[in-house]
Amino acid sequence: PDLGRRFAERKRCADLECSMLMCRGKAMRDFKGPDCRFVNFKKGEAVYVYYKLIGESTELWAGSVGSDFGYFPKDLLEINHNYSNEELELPTDVSLTWW
């Protein structure tokens, strides 16, 4: 299917709006995304996860670093705290996002 600018058709969230934190982690190395849809971070920074893409782009999660929000490769994050164990599966175009 044509996803347009979306990376996946579905995602996992802690709530229907994908506004609740799922987990927090520490960046294992610096990351600079290829475009403005990605969040950049430095090794050791705290990264907060709001949703996880599922399907074809399972390697991407969405979250924030400071006041910046965007996608990042999940393999660059060492999870150190889970806020919610509940995960809802939703279409990527249903919830309201920050951007």
Protein backbone atom coordinates (compact mmCIF):
# COMPACT_ATOMS: atom_id res chain seq x y z
CA PRO A 1 0.00 0.00 0.00
CA ASP A 2 1.01 3.60 -0.59
CA LEU A 3 1.85 5.03 2.82
CA GLY A 4 2.64 8.52 1.57
CA ARG A 5 4.90 10.12 4.17
CA ARG A 6 4.05 7.48 6.79
CA PHE A 7 6.59 4.77 7.57
CA ALA A 8 4.02 2.15 8.63
CA GLU A 9 0.28 1.50 8.65
CA ARG A 10 0.10 0.58 12.34
CA LYS A 11 1.67 1.50 15.67
CA ARG A 12 1.59 0.48 19.33
CA CYS A 13 0.68 3.11 21.93
CA ALA A 14 -0.08 3.25 25.66
CA ASP A 15 -3.41 5.07 25.06
CA LEU A 16 -5.78 5.89 22.19
CA GLU A 17 -4.18 9.31 21.57
CA CYS A 18 -0.60 8.03 21.79
CA SER A 19 0.05 10.84 24.25
CA MET A 20 1.07 8.75 27.25
CA LEU A 21 4.69 7.75 27.68
CA MET A 22 5.45 4.11 27.01
CA CYS A 23 9.05 4.06 28.20
CA ARG A 24 12.23 6.06 28.69
CA GLY A 25 15.72 5.11 27.64
CA LYS A 26 19.25 6.32 27.25
CA ALA A 27 20.77 6.96 23.83
CA MET A 28 23.59 4.48 23.24
CA ARG A 29 25.21 6.68 20.57
CA ASP A 30 24.73 9.92 18.67
CA PHE A 31 21.99 9.98 16.03
CA LYS A 32 21.28 12.55 13.33
CA GLY A 33 18.18 11.76 11.28
CA PRO A 34 18.00 12.05 7.49
CA ASP A 35 15.19 14.64 7.56
CA CYS A 36 12.92 16.70 9.85
CA ARG A 37 10.67 13.73 10.70
CA PHE A 38 13.46 12.35 12.90
CA VAL A 39 14.66 13.47 16.32
CA ASN A 40 18.39 13.96 16.82
CA PHE A 41 20.19 13.07 20.03
CA LYS A 42 23.61 12.63 21.60
CA LYS A 43 24.93 9.57 23.38
CA GLY A 44 23.68 9.46 26.98
CA GLU A 45 20.65 11.72 26.45
CA ALA A 46 17.25 10.65 27.79
CA VAL A 47 14.78 9.65 25.06
CA TYR A 48 11.05 9.33 25.84
CA VAL A 49 9.02 6.88 23.71
CA TYR A 50 5.38 7.63 22.83
CA TYR A 51 4.74 4.99 20.18
CA LYS A 52 6.36 2.12 18.30
CA LEU A 53 5.78 1.53 14.60
CA ILE A 54 4.81 -2.00 13.67
CA GLY A 55 4.65 -3.77 10.33
CA GLU A 56 7.24 -2.88 7.72
CA SER A 57 9.11 -0.27 9.81
CA THR A 58 9.42 -2.12 13.10
CA GLU A 59 12.86 -0.60 13.59
CA LEU A 60 11.46 2.91 14.14
CA TRP A 61 9.95 4.35 17.30
CA ALA A 62 8.66 7.89 17.90
CA GLY A 63 9.54 9.99 20.88
CA SER A 64 11.05 13.12 22.29
CA VAL A 65 14.37 14.50 23.41
CA GLY A 66 13.87 17.76 25.26
CA SER A 67 11.25 19.68 23.26
CA ASP A 68 12.04 17.90 19.97
CA PHE A 69 9.81 15.07 18.71
CA GLY A 70 10.37 12.57 15.91
CA TYR A 71 11.36 9.09 14.80
CA PHE A 72 14.56 7.25 15.68
CA PRO A 73 15.94 3.71 15.31
CA LYS A 74 14.87 1.67 18.34
CA ASP A 75 18.22 -0.15 18.42
CA LEU A 76 19.91 3.08 19.57
CA LEU A 77 17.96 3.15 22.82
CA GLU A 78 18.68 1.30 26.06
CA ILE A 79 15.34 1.14 27.91
CA ASN A 80 15.71 2.00 31.60
CA HIS A 81 12.10 2.62 32.65
CA ASN A 82 8.68 1.38 31.45
CA TYR A 83 5.74 3.68 32.16
CA SER A 84 3.07 1.35 30.82
CA ASN A 85 2.84 -2.36 30.12
CA GLU A 86 -0.34 -1.94 28.10
CA GLU A 87 0.08 -1.56 24.34
CA LEU A 88 -2.80 -0.73 22.02
CA GLU A 89 -2.44 -1.40 18.30
CA LEU A 90 -3.75 1.48 16.18
CA PRO A 91 -3.59 2.71 12.58
CA THR A 92 -0.89 5.36 12.20
CA ASP A 93 -3.34 7.95 10.86
CA VAL A 94 -5.88 7.74 13.74
CA SER A 95 -4.29 9.38 16.77
CA LEU A 96 -3.45 13.00 17.23
CA THR A 97 0.28 13.63 17.31
CA TRP A 98 2.37 16.61 18.32
CA TRP A 99 3.19 17.53 14.74
